[in-house]
């Protein structure tokens, strides 16, 4: 629950609707649920989406699909930010550095 446009500021609030992505090579570790309130005084990490495949291309394709499937309504999330990363030519090619996010 962070806002990338505000330097990844924490965004507490209530989750009005939550749908978890699923499928082969997709894992989402979380503690949230529809109706859960993210407190302002706690870690803003609400979940970790992990995708794998037999190749980089397959893993990226699974991640793109999972990012399209996941729904978290009621709070800002980093989902659109991660979708931008998955569409970035440098990321797709694996041609990135530790400054990649700053350079996007």
N, C-alpha and C. Protein backbone atom coordinates (compact mmCIF):
# COMPACT_ATOMS: atom_id res chain seq x y z
N UNK A 1 0.84 -1.18 0.00
CA UNK A 1 0.00 0.00 0.00
C UNK A 1 0.88 1.23 0.00
N UNK A 2 1.45 1.50 -1.17
CA UNK A 2 2.33 2.65 -1.33
C UNK A 2 1.98 3.36 -2.62
N UNK A 3 2.31 4.65 -2.66
CA UNK A 3 2.04 5.46 -3.84
C UNK A 3 3.36 5.81 -4.52
N UNK A 4 3.68 5.16 -5.65
CA UNK A 4 4.94 5.44 -6.34
C UNK A 4 5.08 6.90 -6.78
N UNK A 5 3.97 7.56 -7.04
CA UNK A 5 4.01 8.97 -7.47
C UNK A 5 4.32 9.92 -6.32
N UNK A 6 4.28 9.41 -5.11
CA UNK A 6 4.60 10.21 -3.92
C UNK A 6 5.80 9.61 -3.19
N UNK A 7 6.81 9.23 -3.98
CA UNK A 7 8.05 8.65 -3.44
C UNK A 7 7.77 7.41 -2.58
N UNK A 8 6.82 6.61 -3.05
CA UNK A 8 6.44 5.36 -2.38
C UNK A 8 5.96 5.58 -0.94
N UNK A 9 5.25 6.69 -0.74
CA UNK A 9 4.70 6.98 0.59
C UNK A 9 3.69 5.91 0.98
N UNK A 10 3.69 5.50 2.25
CA UNK A 10 2.70 4.53 2.73
C UNK A 10 1.29 5.09 2.59
N UNK A 11 0.35 4.24 2.24
CA UNK A 11 -1.04 4.64 2.03
C UNK A 11 -1.97 3.76 2.86
N UNK A 12 -2.19 4.13 4.11
CA UNK A 12 -3.12 3.34 4.92
C UNK A 12 -4.55 3.48 4.40
N UNK A 13 -5.38 2.56 4.77
CA UNK A 13 -6.78 2.62 4.36
C UNK A 13 -7.42 1.24 4.37
N UNK A 14 -8.67 1.21 3.96
CA UNK A 14 -9.45 -0.03 3.98
C UNK A 14 -9.49 -0.65 2.59
N UNK A 15 -9.29 -1.95 2.53
CA UNK A 15 -9.39 -2.69 1.28
C UNK A 15 -10.86 -3.03 1.06
N UNK A 16 -11.44 -2.42 0.03
CA UNK A 16 -12.86 -2.63 -0.26
C UNK A 16 -13.13 -3.92 -1.01
N UNK A 17 -12.14 -4.36 -1.80
CA UNK A 17 -12.28 -5.61 -2.56
C UNK A 17 -10.89 -6.15 -2.85
N UNK A 18 -10.75 -7.47 -2.74
CA UNK A 18 -9.47 -8.11 -3.00
C UNK A 18 -9.69 -9.41 -3.76
N UNK A 19 -8.98 -9.55 -4.88
CA UNK A 19 -8.96 -10.80 -5.64
C UNK A 19 -7.51 -11.17 -5.87
N UNK A 20 -7.14 -12.37 -5.45
CA UNK A 20 -5.76 -12.83 -5.54
C UNK A 20 -5.50 -13.52 -6.87
N UNK A 21 -4.35 -13.24 -7.50
CA UNK A 21 -4.01 -13.93 -8.75
C UNK A 21 -3.65 -15.38 -8.46
N UNK A 22 -3.83 -16.22 -9.45
CA UNK A 22 -3.51 -17.64 -9.29
C UNK A 22 -3.01 -18.20 -10.61
N UNK A 23 -2.53 -19.41 -10.56
CA UNK A 23 -2.10 -20.10 -11.77
C UNK A 23 -0.73 -20.70 -11.63
N UNK A 24 -0.36 -21.47 -12.63
CA UNK A 24 0.94 -22.13 -12.67
C UNK A 24 2.05 -21.10 -12.62
N UNK A 25 2.98 -21.26 -11.70
CA UNK A 25 4.12 -20.37 -11.60
C UNK A 25 3.81 -19.04 -10.93
N UNK A 26 2.64 -18.93 -10.29
CA UNK A 26 2.24 -17.67 -9.64
C UNK A 26 2.05 -17.93 -8.15
N UNK A 27 2.66 -17.08 -7.34
CA UNK A 27 2.51 -17.18 -5.88
C UNK A 27 2.31 -15.78 -5.33
N UNK A 28 1.33 -15.62 -4.45
CA UNK A 28 1.09 -14.33 -3.80
C UNK A 28 1.01 -14.55 -2.30
N UNK A 29 2.00 -14.05 -1.58
CA UNK A 29 2.04 -14.17 -0.12
C UNK A 29 1.46 -12.90 0.47
N UNK A 30 0.42 -13.04 1.30
CA UNK A 30 -0.24 -11.88 1.87
C UNK A 30 -1.00 -12.23 3.14
N UNK A 31 -1.41 -11.21 3.83
CA UNK A 31 -2.26 -11.36 5.01
C UNK A 31 -3.56 -10.57 4.84
N UNK A 32 -3.74 -9.91 3.70
CA UNK A 32 -4.90 -9.03 3.51
C UNK A 32 -6.13 -9.81 3.05
N UNK A 33 -7.27 -9.14 3.17
CA UNK A 33 -8.55 -9.69 2.73
C UNK A 33 -9.51 -8.52 2.52
N UNK A 34 -10.59 -8.75 1.81
CA UNK A 34 -11.60 -7.72 1.63
C UNK A 34 -12.09 -7.28 3.01
N UNK A 35 -12.06 -5.98 3.25
CA UNK A 35 -12.46 -5.43 4.54
C UNK A 35 -11.31 -5.13 5.48
N UNK A 36 -10.11 -5.61 5.14
CA UNK A 36 -8.94 -5.38 5.99
C UNK A 36 -8.55 -3.90 5.95
N UNK A 37 -8.17 -3.35 7.09
CA UNK A 37 -7.70 -1.97 7.16
C UNK A 37 -6.19 -1.98 7.38
N UNK A 38 -5.49 -1.28 6.50
CA UNK A 38 -4.04 -1.15 6.61
C UNK A 38 -3.77 0.01 7.56
N UNK A 39 -3.13 -0.26 8.69
CA UNK A 39 -2.90 0.81 9.67
C UNK A 39 -1.81 1.77 9.22
N UNK A 40 -1.85 2.97 9.75
CA UNK A 40 -0.88 4.00 9.36
C UNK A 40 0.44 3.82 10.10
N UNK A 41 0.48 3.06 11.16
CA UNK A 41 1.67 2.94 12.00
C UNK A 41 2.38 1.59 11.82
N UNK A 42 2.15 0.93 10.68
CA UNK A 42 2.70 -0.40 10.48
C UNK A 42 3.31 -0.48 9.09
N UNK A 43 4.07 -1.51 8.84
CA UNK A 43 4.69 -1.74 7.54
C UNK A 43 3.63 -1.70 6.43
N UNK A 44 3.90 -0.96 5.37
CA UNK A 44 2.94 -0.82 4.28
C UNK A 44 2.99 -1.97 3.27
N UNK A 45 3.88 -2.95 3.47
CA UNK A 45 3.94 -4.12 2.60
C UNK A 45 2.71 -4.98 2.83
N UNK A 46 1.89 -5.14 1.79
CA UNK A 46 0.67 -5.94 1.95
C UNK A 46 0.75 -7.28 1.24
N UNK A 47 1.79 -7.50 0.48
CA UNK A 47 1.93 -8.78 -0.19
C UNK A 47 3.15 -8.83 -1.08
N UNK A 48 3.51 -10.05 -1.45
CA UNK A 48 4.63 -10.28 -2.38
C UNK A 48 4.13 -11.18 -3.50
N UNK A 49 4.23 -10.68 -4.71
CA UNK A 49 3.85 -11.45 -5.89
C UNK A 49 5.11 -12.03 -6.51
N UNK A 50 5.14 -13.34 -6.63
CA UNK A 50 6.31 -14.05 -7.15
C UNK A 50 5.86 -14.90 -8.33
N UNK A 51 6.54 -14.76 -9.46
CA UNK A 51 6.22 -15.57 -10.63
C UNK A 51 7.50 -16.19 -11.17
N UNK A 52 7.40 -17.42 -11.62
CA UNK A 52 8.57 -18.08 -12.20
C UNK A 52 8.14 -18.86 -13.43
N UNK A 53 9.11 -19.17 -14.25
CA UNK A 53 8.87 -19.94 -15.46
C UNK A 53 10.14 -20.63 -15.90
N UNK A 54 10.07 -21.31 -17.02
CA UNK A 54 11.25 -22.01 -17.55
C UNK A 54 12.22 -21.07 -18.24
N UNK A 55 11.81 -19.83 -18.47
CA UNK A 55 12.67 -18.82 -19.08
C UNK A 55 12.28 -17.46 -18.53
N UNK A 56 13.11 -16.48 -18.77
CA UNK A 56 12.80 -15.10 -18.36
C UNK A 56 11.51 -14.64 -19.02
N UNK A 57 11.37 -14.94 -20.30
CA UNK A 57 10.18 -14.53 -21.05
C UNK A 57 8.91 -15.12 -20.45
N UNK A 58 8.97 -16.41 -20.09
CA UNK A 58 7.80 -17.06 -19.50
C UNK A 58 7.48 -16.47 -18.12
N UNK A 59 8.49 -16.20 -17.32
CA UNK A 59 8.26 -15.61 -16.00
C UNK A 59 7.66 -14.22 -16.13
N UNK A 60 8.14 -13.42 -17.07
CA UNK A 60 7.59 -12.08 -17.29
C UNK A 60 6.16 -12.17 -17.78
N UNK A 61 5.88 -13.09 -18.68
CA UNK A 61 4.50 -13.25 -19.18
C UNK A 61 3.56 -13.64 -18.04
N UNK A 62 4.00 -14.51 -17.17
CA UNK A 62 3.17 -14.91 -16.02
C UNK A 62 2.96 -13.73 -15.06
N UNK A 63 4.01 -12.95 -14.86
CA UNK A 63 3.89 -11.79 -13.99
C UNK A 63 2.91 -10.77 -14.58
N UNK A 64 3.00 -10.54 -15.88
CA UNK A 64 2.08 -9.60 -16.53
C UNK A 64 0.63 -10.06 -16.36
N UNK A 65 0.41 -11.34 -16.55
CA UNK A 65 -0.94 -11.89 -16.39
C UNK A 65 -1.41 -11.76 -14.95
N UNK A 66 -0.54 -12.07 -14.00
CA UNK A 66 -0.91 -11.97 -12.58
C UNK A 66 -1.21 -10.53 -12.18
N UNK A 67 -0.44 -9.58 -12.71
CA UNK A 67 -0.68 -8.17 -12.41
C UNK A 67 -2.00 -7.68 -13.01
N UNK A 68 -2.41 -8.28 -14.11
CA UNK A 68 -3.71 -7.95 -14.69
C UNK A 68 -4.85 -8.57 -13.89
N UNK A 69 -4.60 -9.74 -13.31
CA UNK A 69 -5.64 -10.46 -12.58
C UNK A 69 -5.87 -9.94 -11.17
N UNK A 70 -4.81 -9.53 -10.50
CA UNK A 70 -4.95 -9.10 -9.11
C UNK A 70 -5.80 -7.83 -9.02
N UNK A 71 -6.67 -7.80 -8.01
CA UNK A 71 -7.51 -6.62 -7.78
C UNK A 71 -7.42 -6.25 -6.30
N UNK A 72 -6.99 -5.02 -6.04
CA UNK A 72 -6.99 -4.48 -4.68
C UNK A 72 -7.63 -3.11 -4.77
N UNK A 73 -8.87 -2.99 -4.31
CA UNK A 73 -9.60 -1.73 -4.41
C UNK A 73 -9.69 -1.07 -3.04
N UNK A 74 -9.64 0.27 -3.05
CA UNK A 74 -9.80 1.05 -1.84
C UNK A 74 -8.56 1.79 -1.41
N UNK A 75 -7.40 1.36 -1.89
CA UNK A 75 -6.13 1.99 -1.54
C UNK A 75 -5.24 2.06 -2.78
N UNK A 76 -4.33 3.04 -2.83
CA UNK A 76 -3.35 3.04 -3.92
C UNK A 76 -2.39 1.87 -3.73
N UNK A 77 -1.94 1.30 -4.83
CA UNK A 77 -0.97 0.21 -4.77
C UNK A 77 0.12 0.45 -5.80
N UNK A 78 1.12 -0.39 -5.78
CA UNK A 78 2.21 -0.31 -6.76
C UNK A 78 1.95 -1.18 -7.99
N UNK A 79 0.74 -1.70 -8.13
CA UNK A 79 0.43 -2.57 -9.27
C UNK A 79 0.69 -1.86 -10.61
N UNK A 80 0.17 -0.65 -10.84
CA UNK A 80 0.44 0.02 -12.13
C UNK A 80 1.94 0.27 -12.35
N UNK A 81 2.66 0.56 -11.29
CA UNK A 81 4.11 0.77 -11.38
C UNK A 81 4.80 -0.52 -11.85
N UNK A 82 4.42 -1.64 -11.28
CA UNK A 82 5.01 -2.92 -11.68
C UNK A 82 4.62 -3.31 -13.10
N UNK A 83 3.43 -2.93 -13.52
CA UNK A 83 3.02 -3.18 -14.91
C UNK A 83 3.92 -2.40 -15.87
N UNK A 84 4.27 -1.16 -15.50
CA UNK A 84 5.20 -0.37 -16.32
C UNK A 84 6.55 -1.05 -16.42
N UNK A 85 7.02 -1.60 -15.32
CA UNK A 85 8.30 -2.30 -15.32
C UNK A 85 8.25 -3.50 -16.27
N UNK A 86 7.18 -4.27 -16.22
CA UNK A 86 7.05 -5.46 -17.06
C UNK A 86 6.98 -5.11 -18.55
N UNK A 87 6.60 -3.88 -18.88
CA UNK A 87 6.54 -3.44 -20.28
C UNK A 87 7.80 -2.70 -20.72
N UNK A 88 8.74 -2.50 -19.83
CA UNK A 88 9.95 -1.74 -20.13
C UNK A 88 10.93 -2.60 -20.93
N UNK A 89 11.35 -2.10 -22.08
CA UNK A 89 12.25 -2.85 -22.97
C UNK A 89 13.57 -3.24 -22.29
N UNK A 90 14.14 -2.32 -21.51
CA UNK A 90 15.39 -2.64 -20.82
C UNK A 90 15.20 -3.76 -19.80
N UNK A 91 14.08 -3.71 -19.08
CA UNK A 91 13.81 -4.78 -18.11
C UNK A 91 13.61 -6.11 -18.82
N UNK A 92 12.82 -6.10 -19.87
CA UNK A 92 12.54 -7.34 -20.62
C UNK A 92 13.84 -7.97 -21.12
N UNK A 93 14.77 -7.12 -21.58
CA UNK A 93 16.05 -7.61 -22.09
C UNK A 93 17.01 -8.00 -20.97
N UNK A 94 16.70 -7.60 -19.74
CA UNK A 94 17.60 -7.88 -18.62
C UNK A 94 18.77 -6.92 -18.56
N UNK A 95 18.64 -5.79 -19.25
CA UNK A 95 19.70 -4.80 -19.34
C UNK A 95 19.42 -3.68 -18.34
N UNK A 96 19.54 -4.00 -17.05
CA UNK A 96 19.24 -3.03 -16.01
C UNK A 96 20.35 -2.98 -14.98
N UNK A 97 20.35 -1.90 -14.21
CA UNK A 97 21.31 -1.74 -13.12
C UNK A 97 20.55 -1.44 -11.84
N UNK A 98 21.29 -1.19 -10.78
CA UNK A 98 20.66 -0.84 -9.51
C UNK A 98 20.00 0.53 -9.56
N UNK A 99 20.23 1.28 -10.62
CA UNK A 99 19.61 2.60 -10.79
C UNK A 99 18.39 2.54 -11.71
N UNK A 100 17.97 1.36 -12.06
CA UNK A 100 16.88 1.18 -13.03
C UNK A 100 15.62 1.95 -12.65
N UNK A 101 15.17 1.83 -11.42
CA UNK A 101 13.93 2.49 -10.99
C UNK A 101 14.08 4.00 -11.08
N UNK A 102 15.19 4.53 -10.64
CA UNK A 102 15.43 5.98 -10.71
C UNK A 102 15.45 6.47 -12.15
N UNK A 103 15.92 5.65 -13.07
CA UNK A 103 16.07 6.04 -14.47
C UNK A 103 14.80 5.86 -15.29
N UNK A 104 13.81 5.18 -14.74
CA UNK A 104 12.57 4.94 -15.50
C UNK A 104 11.86 6.24 -15.82
